[in-house]
Amino acid sequence: MALRNSYLFSILLSVVVIAVASVATRRWLNRKVTKELAKLMVYTKIAGDTQKFERFSGSAIHEFNHIGKTLSQTFERLSEQEKLFQDLFNFSLSPIIVWTEDSTILQINPAARKALGIQLGSDHDPGTSFTTFVEAMEQHVIKANHGVTITGIDVPIDDMVYRWNLSSIQTRKDKKLVLSQGQDITKLVEAEKQSAKARVEAERAAVARTEFMAKMSHEIRTPLNGILGISQLLKKEAKETRYQEQIDVLCNSGEHLLAVLNDILDFSKIENGSFKLEKHNFSFKRWLTL
C-alpha cells in the first residue's frame, strides 16, 4: 500500500512539475515573441518615418529575423532611389520645380532658385520676377494636374527665356504633383531674332538689287536700241564689203547685248514675282527638226 501511494505521489508530482514547466515555458516564449515582435515593429516604424536609413539589428527568432532582413533590404533600395532622385534634383543644371495641386511651389532646386533670384534660406520677398513667373505658369500647372503633358512653354524671366516641360506625377500617398523642368533658350531666341533680322535685310537687299538691275537695264536698252537702229540703217546703205562685215559685227554684238539685258529683266521679274508666262500653241515636232 505504501509503495502504491509513493508511486501515485511521484506521478502527481511529475504532472505538477510538467504543468509548472509548461506554464513557465509558455510565459517565457510569450515574452520572447512579444519582445522580438515589438522590436520588429519599432524598426518598421523608424525605417518608414525617418529619412536616414538604418539596418535591422537582427532577431533571436529566425522567422522574425528573416522578415526584418527583407524589410531592411527593401528600405535600403528605397532609400538609395530617393537619394538618387534628390541628388538629380539638387545638382541638375536645369531648373526643376515641383508644384502642388493648388499651383503652389512644393520644392525648388538650386538652379531654379538662381534663375528666379531666390536666395536659399532668405525670408525676403523674391521680387516681381518670381511673382510674374508663378502667374505665367499657373494655368499650365492646372492643365498638367489633369494629366496633360505640356511641352515647349516659353516663359521669360528678366532678360532670360526658359522653355518648360510639365508632367503630372503620383506620390506613394496617392497625392498628385506636377514636375516642371526648364531649359535656358535665351541664346536660341536671340539667334532666331538675329536670323529673322538678317532675313529681312537680305530681302530688302534683294529688292534693291532687283530694282537697280531693272532700272539700269531699261536705261541701257534705250540707247542700245538707238545704236541698233543706226547700225541696221548703215548695213542697208553700206556698199563696200569691208564696211558690211564691220557693221554686221556691230549689229550682232548689239543684238547679243540686248538679249542679255532682256534676260536680266526676266530674272528681275522672277525675283519680285512679276514674271508671267505666255501660253501659245506650237508644234513640238517642228521644233525638234530645227
C-alpha atoms as a PDB file:
ATOM      1  CA  MET A   1       0.000   0.000   0.000  1.00  0.00           C
ATOM      2  CA  ALA A   2       2.821   2.341   0.891  1.00  0.00           C
ATOM      3  CA  LEU A   3       4.518   1.521  -2.384  1.00  0.00           C
ATOM      4  CA  ARG A   4       1.326   2.308  -4.275  1.00  0.00           C
ATOM      5  CA  ASN A   5       0.923   5.653  -2.522  1.00  0.00           C
ATOM      6  CA  SER A   6       4.527   6.511  -3.222  1.00  0.00           C
ATOM      7  CA  TYR A   7       4.042   5.688  -6.872  1.00  0.00           C
ATOM      8  CA  LEU A   8       0.909   7.858  -7.140  1.00  0.00           C
ATOM      9  CA  PHE A   9       2.664  10.716  -5.371  1.00  0.00           C
ATOM     10  CA  SER A  10       5.544  10.504  -7.863  1.00  0.00           C
ATOM     11  CA  ILE A  11       3.138  10.605 -10.781  1.00  0.00           C
ATOM     12  CA  LEU A  12       1.270  13.562  -9.289  1.00  0.00           C
ATOM     13  CA  LEU A  13       4.497  15.391  -8.623  1.00  0.00           C
ATOM     14  CA  SER A  14       5.661  14.779 -12.188  1.00  0.00           C
ATOM     15  CA  VAL A  15       2.378  16.125 -13.553  1.00  0.00           C
ATOM     16  CA  VAL A  16       2.668  19.236 -11.374  1.00  0.00           C
ATOM     17  CA  VAL A  17       6.273  19.789 -12.439  1.00  0.00           C
ATOM     18  CA  ILE A  18       5.366  19.360 -16.101  1.00  0.00           C
ATOM     19  CA  ALA A  19       2.421  21.756 -15.755  1.00  0.00           C
ATOM     20  CA  VAL A  20       4.525  24.363 -13.988  1.00  0.00           C
ATOM     21  CA  ALA A  21       7.280  23.955 -16.581  1.00  0.00           C
ATOM     22  CA  SER A  22       4.739  24.296 -19.401  1.00  0.00           C
ATOM     23  CA  VAL A  23       3.272  27.465 -17.929  1.00  0.00           C
ATOM     24  CA  ALA A  24       6.721  28.926 -17.340  1.00  0.00           C
ATOM     25  CA  THR A  25       7.869  27.985 -20.826  1.00  0.00           C
ATOM     26  CA  ARG A  26       4.723  29.459 -22.355  1.00  0.00           C
ATOM     27  CA  ARG A  27       5.170  32.699 -20.445  1.00  0.00           C
ATOM     28  CA  TRP A  28       8.832  32.848 -21.415  1.00  0.00           C
ATOM     29  CA  LEU A  29       8.002  32.233 -25.070  1.00  0.00           C
ATOM     30  CA  ASN A  30       5.248  34.850 -24.973  1.00  0.00           C
ATOM     31  CA  ARG A  31       7.621  37.409 -23.505  1.00  0.00           C
ATOM     32  CA  LYS A  32      10.311  36.461 -26.020  1.00  0.00           C
ATOM     33  CA  VAL A  33       7.975  36.589 -29.025  1.00  0.00           C
ATOM     34  CA  THR A  34       6.359  39.799 -27.801  1.00  0.00           C
ATOM     35  CA  LYS A  35       9.752  41.392 -27.265  1.00  0.00           C
ATOM     36  CA  GLU A  36      11.073  40.377 -30.694  1.00  0.00           C
ATOM     37  CA  LEU A  37       7.811  41.356 -32.412  1.00  0.00           C
ATOM     38  CA  ALA A  38       7.878  44.755 -30.704  1.00  0.00           C
ATOM     39  CA  LYS A  39      11.477  45.162 -31.821  1.00  0.00           C
ATOM     40  CA  LEU A  40      10.469  44.391 -35.416  1.00  0.00           C
ATOM     41  CA  MET A  41       7.520  46.813 -35.274  1.00  0.00           C
ATOM     42  CA  VAL A  42       9.709  49.591 -33.855  1.00  0.00           C
ATOM     43  CA  TYR A  43      12.227  49.099 -36.669  1.00  0.00           C
ATOM     44  CA  THR A  44       9.462  49.209 -39.272  1.00  0.00           C
ATOM     45  CA  LYS A  45       8.139  52.477 -37.842  1.00  0.00           C
ATOM     46  CA  ILE A  46      11.592  54.082 -37.597  1.00  0.00           C
ATOM     47  CA  ALA A  47      12.659  52.973 -41.084  1.00  0.00           C
ATOM     48  CA  GLY A  48       9.391  54.200 -42.601  1.00  0.00           C
ATOM     49  CA  ASP A  49       9.294  57.596 -40.885  1.00  0.00           C
ATOM     50  CA  THR A  50      12.914  58.788 -40.945  1.00  0.00           C
ATOM     51  CA  GLN A  51      14.930  59.973 -43.921  1.00  0.00           C
ATOM     52  CA  LYS A  52      18.107  58.263 -42.712  1.00  0.00           C
ATOM     53  CA  PHE A  53      18.273  54.540 -43.464  1.00  0.00           C
ATOM     54  CA  GLU A  54      19.051  52.142 -40.593  1.00  0.00           C
ATOM     55  CA  ARG A  55      19.764  48.438 -40.912  1.00  0.00           C
ATOM     56  CA  PHE A  56      17.825  45.855 -38.918  1.00  0.00           C
ATOM     57  CA  SER A  57      19.932  44.735 -35.950  1.00  0.00           C
ATOM     58  CA  GLY A  58      18.650  41.170 -36.080  1.00  0.00           C
ATOM     59  CA  SER A  59      16.308  38.951 -34.073  1.00  0.00           C
ATOM     60  CA  ALA A  60      16.783  35.830 -31.993  1.00  0.00           C
ATOM     61  CA  ILE A  61      13.751  34.291 -33.684  1.00  0.00           C
ATOM     62  CA  HIS A  62      14.630  33.016 -37.146  1.00  0.00           C
ATOM     63  CA  GLU A  63      11.322  33.934 -38.785  1.00  0.00           C
ATOM     64  CA  PHE A  64      11.357  37.469 -37.376  1.00  0.00           C
ATOM     65  CA  ASN A  65      14.995  37.841 -38.348  1.00  0.00           C
ATOM     66  CA  HIS A  66      14.167  36.863 -41.952  1.00  0.00           C
ATOM     67  CA  ILE A  67      11.279  39.349 -42.087  1.00  0.00           C
ATOM     68  CA  GLY A  68      13.448  42.095 -40.618  1.00  0.00           C
ATOM     69  CA  LYS A  69      16.303  41.492 -43.059  1.00  0.00           C
ATOM     70  CA  THR A  70      13.877  41.503 -46.008  1.00  0.00           C
ATOM     71  CA  LEU A  71      12.355  44.785 -44.834  1.00  0.00           C
ATOM     72  CA  SER A  72      15.834  46.189 -44.308  1.00  0.00           C
ATOM     73  CA  GLN A  73      16.846  45.385 -47.883  1.00  0.00           C
ATOM     74  CA  THR A  74      13.600  46.895 -49.216  1.00  0.00           C
ATOM     75  CA  PHE A  75      14.029  50.103 -47.212  1.00  0.00           C
ATOM     76  CA  GLU A  76      17.662  50.287 -48.315  1.00  0.00           C
ATOM     77  CA  ARG A  77      16.691  50.142 -52.001  1.00  0.00           C
ATOM     78  CA  LEU A  78      14.006  52.783 -51.447  1.00  0.00           C
ATOM     79  CA  SER A  79      16.487  54.972 -49.605  1.00  0.00           C
ATOM     80  CA  GLU A  80      19.011  54.674 -52.433  1.00  0.00           C
ATOM     81  CA  GLN A  81      16.364  55.544 -55.034  1.00  0.00           C
ATOM     82  CA  GLU A  82      15.195  58.572 -53.037  1.00  0.00           C
ATOM     83  CA  LYS A  83      18.782  59.737 -52.560  1.00  0.00           C
ATOM     84  CA  LEU A  84      19.470  59.317 -56.280  1.00  0.00           C
ATOM     85  CA  PHE A  85      16.366  61.336 -57.175  1.00  0.00           C
ATOM     86  CA  GLN A  86      17.263  64.004 -54.608  1.00  0.00           C
ATOM     87  CA  ASP A  87      20.818  64.257 -55.978  1.00  0.00           C
ATOM     88  CA  LEU A  88      19.498  64.580 -59.532  1.00  0.00           C
ATOM     89  CA  PHE A  89      17.071  67.216 -58.288  1.00  0.00           C
ATOM     90  CA  ASN A  90      19.656  69.230 -56.351  1.00  0.00           C
ATOM     91  CA  PHE A  91      22.628  69.004 -58.705  1.00  0.00           C
ATOM     92  CA  SER A  92      20.770  69.363 -62.005  1.00  0.00           C
ATOM     93  CA  LEU A  93      21.925  72.325 -64.088  1.00  0.00           C
ATOM     94  CA  SER A  94      18.357  72.765 -65.350  1.00  0.00           C
ATOM     95  CA  PRO A  95      15.733  74.476 -63.187  1.00  0.00           C
ATOM     96  CA  ILE A  96      13.312  71.947 -61.658  1.00  0.00           C
ATOM     97  CA  ILE A  97      10.187  72.892 -59.699  1.00  0.00           C
ATOM     98  CA  VAL A  98       7.618  70.619 -58.023  1.00  0.00           C
ATOM     99  CA  TRP A  99       4.113  72.092 -57.771  1.00  0.00           C
ATOM    100  CA  THR A 100       1.154  71.080 -55.621  1.00  0.00           C
ATOM    101  CA  GLU A 101      -2.424  70.666 -56.816  1.00  0.00           C
ATOM    102  CA  ASP A 102      -3.239  74.279 -55.919  1.00  0.00           C
ATOM    103  CA  SER A 103      -0.346  75.595 -58.080  1.00  0.00           C
ATOM    104  CA  THR A 104       1.959  76.440 -55.186  1.00  0.00           C
ATOM    105  CA  ILE A 105       5.645  75.527 -55.192  1.00  0.00           C
ATOM    106  CA  LEU A 106       6.461  72.487 -53.041  1.00  0.00           C
ATOM    107  CA  GLN A 107      10.127  72.045 -53.956  1.00  0.00           C
ATOM    108  CA  ILE A 108      12.577  74.083 -55.992  1.00  0.00           C
ATOM    109  CA  ASN A 109      16.137  73.086 -56.839  1.00  0.00           C
ATOM    110  CA  PRO A 110      19.179  75.419 -56.627  1.00  0.00           C
ATOM    111  CA  ALA A 111      19.257  76.009 -60.403  1.00  0.00           C
ATOM    112  CA  ALA A 112      15.655  77.249 -60.318  1.00  0.00           C
ATOM    113  CA  ARG A 113      16.409  79.417 -57.280  1.00  0.00           C
ATOM    114  CA  LYS A 114      19.268  81.013 -59.152  1.00  0.00           C
ATOM    115  CA  ALA A 115      17.152  81.610 -62.264  1.00  0.00           C
ATOM    116  CA  LEU A 116      14.326  83.156 -60.233  1.00  0.00           C
ATOM    117  CA  GLY A 117      16.623  85.161 -57.980  1.00  0.00           C
ATOM    118  CA  ILE A 118      15.628  83.376 -54.768  1.00  0.00           C
ATOM    119  CA  GLN A 119      18.244  83.229 -52.023  1.00  0.00           C
ATOM    120  CA  LEU A 120      18.401  79.962 -50.063  1.00  0.00           C
ATOM    121  CA  GLY A 121      17.063  80.449 -46.539  1.00  0.00           C
ATOM    122  CA  SER A 122      16.070  84.050 -47.188  1.00  0.00           C
ATOM    123  CA  ASP A 123      12.790  85.450 -45.857  1.00  0.00           C
ATOM    124  CA  HIS A 124      12.839  88.449 -48.171  1.00  0.00           C
ATOM    125  CA  ASP A 125      10.283  88.974 -50.932  1.00  0.00           C
ATOM    126  CA  PRO A 126      11.646  87.187 -54.042  1.00  0.00           C
ATOM    127  CA  GLY A 127      10.504  90.099 -56.207  1.00  0.00           C
ATOM    128  CA  THR A 128       8.229  90.789 -59.127  1.00  0.00           C
ATOM    129  CA  SER A 129      10.091  88.416 -61.457  1.00  0.00           C
ATOM    130  CA  PHE A 130       9.162  85.442 -59.279  1.00  0.00           C
ATOM    131  CA  THR A 131       5.542  86.580 -58.925  1.00  0.00           C
ATOM    132  CA  THR A 132       5.216  87.124 -62.673  1.00  0.00           C
ATOM    133  CA  PHE A 133       6.712  83.696 -63.330  1.00  0.00           C
ATOM    134  CA  VAL A 134       4.294  81.929 -60.962  1.00  0.00           C
ATOM    135  CA  GLU A 135       1.325  83.712 -62.559  1.00  0.00           C
ATOM    136  CA  ALA A 136       2.514  82.712 -66.047  1.00  0.00           C
ATOM    137  CA  MET A 137       2.947  79.063 -65.013  1.00  0.00           C
ATOM    138  CA  GLU A 138      -0.289  78.712 -63.041  1.00  0.00           C
ATOM    139  CA  GLN A 139      -2.589  77.903 -65.977  1.00  0.00           C
ATOM    140  CA  HIS A 140      -0.143  75.306 -67.329  1.00  0.00           C
ATOM    141  CA  VAL A 141       0.208  73.676 -63.890  1.00  0.00           C
ATOM    142  CA  ILE A 142      -3.583  73.367 -63.674  1.00  0.00           C
ATOM    143  CA  LYS A 143      -3.682  71.623 -67.065  1.00  0.00           C
ATOM    144  CA  ALA A 144      -0.855  69.284 -66.079  1.00  0.00           C
ATOM    145  CA  ASN A 145      -2.731  68.399 -62.867  1.00  0.00           C
ATOM    146  CA  HIS A 146      -5.459  66.931 -65.069  1.00  0.00           C
ATOM    147  CA  GLY A 147      -2.957  64.522 -66.631  1.00  0.00           C
ATOM    148  CA  VAL A 148      -1.982  66.595 -69.673  1.00  0.00           C
ATOM    149  CA  THR A 149       1.721  66.556 -70.553  1.00  0.00           C
ATOM    150  CA  ILE A 150       2.748  70.055 -71.613  1.00  0.00           C
ATOM    151  CA  THR A 151       5.936  70.800 -73.559  1.00  0.00           C
ATOM    152  CA  GLY A 152       7.599  73.846 -75.065  1.00  0.00           C
ATOM    153  CA  ILE A 153       6.231  76.605 -72.797  1.00  0.00           C
ATOM    154  CA  ASP A 154       8.469  79.675 -73.187  1.00  0.00           C
ATOM    155  CA  VAL A 155       8.419  81.919 -70.112  1.00  0.00           C
ATOM    156  CA  PRO A 156      10.713  84.979 -69.814  1.00  0.00           C
ATOM    157  CA  ILE A 157      12.474  85.650 -66.519  1.00  0.00           C
ATOM    158  CA  ASP A 158      14.028  89.127 -66.559  1.00  0.00           C
ATOM    159  CA  ASP A 159      16.443  89.076 -69.518  1.00  0.00           C
ATOM    160  CA  MET A 160      16.400  85.278 -69.807  1.00  0.00           C
ATOM    161  CA  VAL A 161      13.953  82.958 -71.567  1.00  0.00           C
ATOM    162  CA  TYR A 162      13.288  79.419 -70.307  1.00  0.00           C
ATOM    163  CA  ARG A 163      11.390  76.645 -72.092  1.00  0.00           C
ATOM    164  CA  TRP A 164       9.398  74.489 -69.662  1.00  0.00           C
ATOM    165  CA  ASN A 165       8.024  70.943 -69.831  1.00  0.00           C
ATOM    166  CA  LEU A 166       5.362  69.905 -67.303  1.00  0.00           C
ATOM    167  CA  SER A 167       4.022  66.468 -66.378  1.00  0.00           C
ATOM    168  CA  SER A 168       1.880  65.038 -63.590  1.00  0.00           C
ATOM    169  CA  ILE A 169       3.418  62.601 -61.076  1.00  0.00           C
ATOM    170  CA  GLN A 170       1.790  60.343 -58.468  1.00  0.00           C
ATOM    171  CA  THR A 171       3.290  60.016 -54.983  1.00  0.00           C
ATOM    172  CA  ARG A 172       3.174  56.967 -52.726  1.00  0.00           C
ATOM    173  CA  LYS A 173       0.417  58.641 -50.716  1.00  0.00           C
ATOM    174  CA  ASP A 174      -1.784  58.952 -53.843  1.00  0.00           C
ATOM    175  CA  LYS A 175      -1.074  62.659 -53.984  1.00  0.00           C
ATOM    176  CA  LYS A 176      -0.828  64.381 -57.360  1.00  0.00           C
ATOM    177  CA  LEU A 177       2.069  66.716 -58.017  1.00  0.00           C
ATOM    178  CA  VAL A 178       3.367  68.482 -61.118  1.00  0.00           C
ATOM    179  CA  LEU A 179       7.018  68.273 -62.108  1.00  0.00           C
ATOM    180  CA  SER A 180       8.293  71.106 -64.304  1.00  0.00           C
ATOM    181  CA  GLN A 181      11.753  71.261 -65.870  1.00  0.00           C
ATOM    182  CA  GLY A 182      13.135  74.317 -67.642  1.00  0.00           C
ATOM    183  CA  GLN A 183      15.867  74.897 -70.207  1.00  0.00           C
ATOM    184  CA  ASP A 184      17.642  78.167 -70.877  1.00  0.00           C
ATOM    185  CA  ILE A 185      16.928  79.083 -74.521  1.00  0.00           C
ATOM    186  CA  THR A 186      17.985  82.733 -74.330  1.00  0.00           C
ATOM    187  CA  LYS A 187      20.761  82.272 -76.881  1.00  0.00           C
ATOM    188  CA  LEU A 188      18.430  80.309 -79.168  1.00  0.00           C
ATOM    189  CA  VAL A 189      15.791  83.058 -79.040  1.00  0.00           C
ATOM    190  CA  GLU A 190      18.441  85.704 -79.696  1.00  0.00           C
ATOM    191  CA  ALA A 191      19.786  83.661 -82.620  1.00  0.00           C
ATOM    192  CA  GLU A 192      16.258  83.377 -84.051  1.00  0.00           C
ATOM    193  CA  LYS A 193      15.834  87.150 -83.751  1.00  0.00           C
ATOM    194  CA  GLN A 194      19.165  87.759 -85.474  1.00  0.00           C
ATOM    195  CA  SER A 195      18.247  85.247 -88.185  1.00  0.00           C
ATOM    196  CA  ALA A 196      14.898  86.954 -88.772  1.00  0.00           C
ATOM    197  CA  LYS A 197      16.623  90.339 -88.883  1.00  0.00           C
ATOM    198  CA  ALA A 198      19.216  89.052 -91.350  1.00  0.00           C
ATOM    199  CA  ARG A 199      16.457  87.531 -93.494  1.00  0.00           C
ATOM    200  CA  VAL A 200      14.596  90.865 -93.608  1.00  0.00           C
ATOM    201  CA  GLU A 201      17.795  92.699 -94.509  1.00  0.00           C
ATOM    202  CA  ALA A 202      18.582  90.129 -97.207  1.00  0.00           C
ATOM    203  CA  GLU A 203      15.086  90.515 -98.651  1.00  0.00           C
ATOM    204  CA  ARG A 204      15.484  94.289 -98.675  1.00  0.00           C
ATOM    205  CA  ALA A 205      18.870  93.975-100.380  1.00  0.00           C
ATOM    206  CA  ALA A 206      17.390  91.595-102.957  1.00  0.00           C
ATOM    207  CA  VAL A 207      14.555  94.032-103.692  1.00  0.00           C
ATOM    208  CA  ALA A 208      17.005  96.933-104.013  1.00  0.00           C
ATOM    209  CA  ARG A 209      19.255  94.876-106.301  1.00  0.00           C
ATOM    210  CA  THR A 210      16.297  93.842-108.443  1.00  0.00           C
ATOM    211  CA  GLU A 211      15.050  97.401-108.746  1.00  0.00           C
ATOM    212  CA  PHE A 212      18.543  98.629-109.587  1.00  0.00           C
ATOM    213  CA  MET A 213      19.080  95.958-112.234  1.00  0.00           C
ATOM    214  CA  ALA A 214      15.673  96.609-113.792  1.00  0.00           C
ATOM    215  CA  LYS A 215      16.279 100.371-113.875  1.00  0.00           C
ATOM    216  CA  MET A 216      19.786 100.042-115.277  1.00  0.00           C
ATOM    217  CA  SER A 217      18.601  97.542-117.887  1.00  0.00           C
ATOM    218  CA  HIS A 218      15.969  99.994-119.084  1.00  0.00           C
ATOM    219  CA  GLU A 219      18.493 102.839-119.069  1.00  0.00           C
ATOM    220  CA  ILE A 220      20.963 100.815-121.120  1.00  0.00           C
ATOM    221  CA  ARG A 221      18.404  99.336-123.509  1.00  0.00           C
ATOM    222  CA  THR A 222      17.113 102.751-124.611  1.00  0.00           C
ATOM    223  CA  PRO A 223      20.415 103.979-126.131  1.00  0.00           C
ATOM    224  CA  LEU A 224      21.189 100.432-127.284  1.00  0.00           C
ATOM    225  CA  ASN A 225      18.027 100.386-129.375  1.00  0.00           C
ATOM    226  CA  GLY A 226      19.197 103.630-130.980  1.00  0.00           C
ATOM    227  CA  ILE A 227      22.593 102.102-131.760  1.00  0.00           C
ATOM    228  CA  LEU A 228      20.973  99.000-133.256  1.00  0.00           C
ATOM    229  CA  GLY A 229      18.643 101.114-135.385  1.00  0.00           C
ATOM    230  CA  ILE A 230      21.510 103.201-136.793  1.00  0.00           C
ATOM    231  CA  SER A 231      23.655 100.089-137.403  1.00  0.00           C
ATOM    232  CA  GLN A 232      20.828  98.390-139.304  1.00  0.00           C
ATOM    233  CA  LEU A 233      20.393 101.504-141.483  1.00  0.00           C
ATOM    234  CA  LEU A 234      24.137 101.565-142.139  1.00  0.00           C
ATOM    235  CA  LYS A 235      24.021  97.882-143.028  1.00  0.00           C
ATOM    236  CA  LYS A 236      21.411  98.535-145.734  1.00  0.00           C
ATOM    237  CA  GLU A 237      23.271 101.525-147.201  1.00  0.00           C
ATOM    238  CA  ALA A 238      26.824 100.180-146.992  1.00  0.00           C
ATOM    239  CA  LYS A 239      28.245  99.357-150.440  1.00  0.00           C
ATOM    240  CA  GLU A 240      31.697  98.030-149.672  1.00  0.00           C
ATOM    241  CA  THR A 241      32.113  94.530-148.300  1.00  0.00           C
ATOM    242  CA  ARG A 242      34.695  95.695-145.766  1.00  0.00           C
ATOM    243  CA  TYR A 243      32.215  98.047-144.139  1.00  0.00           C
ATOM    244  CA  GLN A 244      29.415  95.476-144.277  1.00  0.00           C
ATOM    245  CA  GLU A 245      31.437  92.982-142.217  1.00  0.00           C
ATOM    246  CA  GLN A 246      32.188  95.608-139.567  1.00  0.00           C
ATOM    247  CA  ILE A 247      28.553  96.686-139.455  1.00  0.00           C
ATOM    248  CA  ASP A 248      27.486  93.008-139.113  1.00  0.00           C
ATOM    249  CA  VAL A 249      29.767  92.672-136.094  1.00  0.00           C
ATOM    250  CA  LEU A 250      28.224  95.830-134.634  1.00  0.00           C
ATOM    251  CA  CYS A 251      24.665  94.560-135.228  1.00  0.00           C
ATOM    252  CA  ASN A 252      25.355  91.075-133.848  1.00  0.00           C
ATOM    253  CA  SER A 253      27.066  92.456-130.735  1.00  0.00           C
ATOM    254  CA  GLY A 254      24.224  94.876-130.114  1.00  0.00           C
ATOM    255  CA  GLU A 255      21.592  92.158-130.535  1.00  0.00           C
ATOM    256  CA  HIS A 256      23.517  89.855-128.182  1.00  0.00           C
ATOM    257  CA  LEU A 257      23.765  92.617-125.576  1.00  0.00           C
ATOM    258  CA  LEU A 258      20.043  93.303-125.958  1.00  0.00           C
ATOM    259  CA  ALA A 259      19.289  89.609-125.374  1.00  0.00           C
ATOM    260  CA  VAL A 260      21.430  89.677-122.211  1.00  0.00           C
ATOM    261  CA  LEU A 261      19.558  92.742-120.963  1.00  0.00           C
ATOM    262  CA  ASN A 262      16.237  91.011-121.646  1.00  0.00           C
ATOM    263  CA  ASP A 263      17.410  88.008-119.622  1.00  0.00           C
ATOM    264  CA  ILE A 264      18.395  90.320-116.755  1.00  0.00           C
ATOM    265  CA  LEU A 265      14.938  91.874-116.851  1.00  0.00           C
ATOM    266  CA  ASP A 266      13.360  88.404-116.791  1.00  0.00           C
ATOM    267  CA  PHE A 267      15.413  87.449-113.722  1.00  0.00           C
ATOM    268  CA  SER A 268      14.381  90.693-112.034  1.00  0.00           C
ATOM    269  CA  LYS A 269      10.737  89.895-112.728  1.00  0.00           C
ATOM    270  CA  ILE A 270      11.190  86.388-111.319  1.00  0.00           C
ATOM    271  CA  GLU A 271      12.712  87.766-108.095  1.00  0.00           C
ATOM    272  CA  ASN A 272       9.939  90.295-107.488  1.00  0.00           C
ATOM    273  CA  GLY A 273       7.198  87.884-108.606  1.00  0.00           C
ATOM    274  CA  SER A 274       6.036  89.836-111.647  1.00  0.00           C
ATOM    275  CA  PHE A 275       7.281  87.369-114.267  1.00  0.00           C
ATOM    276  CA  LYS A 276       4.434  85.967-116.357  1.00  0.00           C
ATOM    277  CA  LEU A 277       4.426  83.048-118.763  1.00  0.00           C
ATOM    278  CA  GLU A 278       2.529  83.362-122.025  1.00  0.00           C
ATOM    279  CA  LYS A 279       0.737  80.276-123.337  1.00  0.00           C
ATOM    280  CA  HIS A 280       0.828  79.598-127.106  1.00  0.00           C
ATOM    281  CA  ASN A 281       0.207  76.522-129.211  1.00  0.00           C
ATOM    282  CA  PHE A 282       3.250  75.197-131.065  1.00  0.00           C
ATOM    283  CA  SER A 283       4.425  72.127-132.921  1.00  0.00           C
ATOM    284  CA  PHE A 284       6.816  70.170-130.729  1.00  0.00           C
ATOM    285  CA  LYS A 285       7.868  68.008-133.684  1.00  0.00           C
ATOM    286  CA  ARG A 286       8.695  71.092-135.732  1.00  0.00           C
ATOM    287  CA  TRP A 287      10.987  72.436-133.004  1.00  0.00           C
ATOM    288  CA  LEU A 288      12.787  69.092-132.831  1.00  0.00           C
ATOM    289  CA  THR A 289      13.557  69.191-136.540  1.00  0.00           C
ATOM    290  CA  LEU A 290      15.044  72.683-136.437  1.00  0.00           C
END
